[in-house]
Amino acid sequence: MRIGFNVRFLHEIVRHIDSDEILLHFYDPHQAVMIEPKKTEEMNYNLLYLLMPVKLE
């Protein structure tokens, strides 16, 4: 199965993350993907975004 993402939603998430690296957590093609910045010692907060995939045919 192939999945994709609405590029506008993905871009909106990525532009709000103040980090050089992000982590994408995939669990199942029918579940939301968790997106978060890679943790650094300077970060004193937690940030988590969810993005639903789109099934590609």
Protein backbone atom coordinates (compact mmCIF):
# COMPACT_ATOMS: atom_id res chain seq x y z
CA MET A 1 0.00 0.00 0.00
CA ARG A 2 1.22 3.49 -0.83
CA ILE A 3 0.33 6.54 1.24
CA GLY A 4 0.89 10.24 0.72
CA PHE A 5 0.27 13.49 2.53
CA ASN A 6 -1.41 16.74 1.65
CA VAL A 7 1.68 18.85 0.99
CA ARG A 8 0.05 22.04 2.31
CA PHE A 9 -0.63 20.43 5.70
CA LEU A 10 2.85 18.89 5.87
CA HIS A 11 4.49 22.20 4.95
CA GLU A 12 2.47 24.05 7.60
CA ILE A 13 3.68 21.63 10.28
CA VAL A 14 7.34 21.66 9.20
CA ARG A 15 7.56 25.45 9.01
CA HIS A 16 6.44 25.74 12.66
CA ILE A 17 9.09 23.34 13.95
CA ASP A 18 12.22 25.21 15.00
CA SER A 19 14.65 22.33 14.51
CA ASP A 20 17.03 21.14 11.81
CA GLU A 21 15.71 17.59 12.14
CA ILE A 22 12.22 16.17 12.57
CA LEU A 23 11.01 12.69 13.46
CA LEU A 24 8.13 10.98 11.67
CA HIS A 25 6.54 8.05 13.50
CA PHE A 26 4.57 5.69 11.22
CA TYR A 27 2.49 2.95 12.83
CA ASP A 28 -0.17 1.88 10.35
CA PRO A 29 -1.25 3.19 6.91
CA HIS A 30 -4.69 4.01 8.33
CA GLN A 31 -3.50 5.95 11.39
CA ALA A 32 -2.16 9.45 11.84
CA VAL A 33 1.59 9.98 11.60
CA MET A 34 3.20 11.65 14.62
CA ILE A 35 5.61 14.45 13.73
CA GLU A 36 7.92 16.04 16.28
CA PRO A 37 11.24 17.89 16.39
CA LYS A 38 14.33 15.90 17.29
CA LYS A 39 14.98 16.65 20.95
CA THR A 40 17.98 18.77 21.90
CA GLU A 41 19.36 19.84 25.26
CA GLU A 42 18.18 23.41 24.66
CA MET A 43 14.53 22.38 24.22
CA ASN A 44 12.48 22.86 27.35
CA TYR A 45 9.11 22.03 25.78
CA ASN A 46 7.34 19.16 24.03
CA LEU A 47 5.83 19.56 20.60
CA LEU A 48 3.79 16.95 18.73
CA TYR A 49 1.78 17.16 15.51
CA LEU A 50 -0.52 14.57 13.97
CA LEU A 51 -1.08 14.25 10.22
CA MET A 52 -3.46 11.83 8.54
CA PRO A 53 -2.14 10.02 5.45
CA VAL A 54 -3.96 9.85 2.12
CA LYS A 55 -4.23 6.48 0.39
CA LEU A 56 -2.72 6.53 -3.10
CA GLU A 57 -4.01 4.21 -5.78
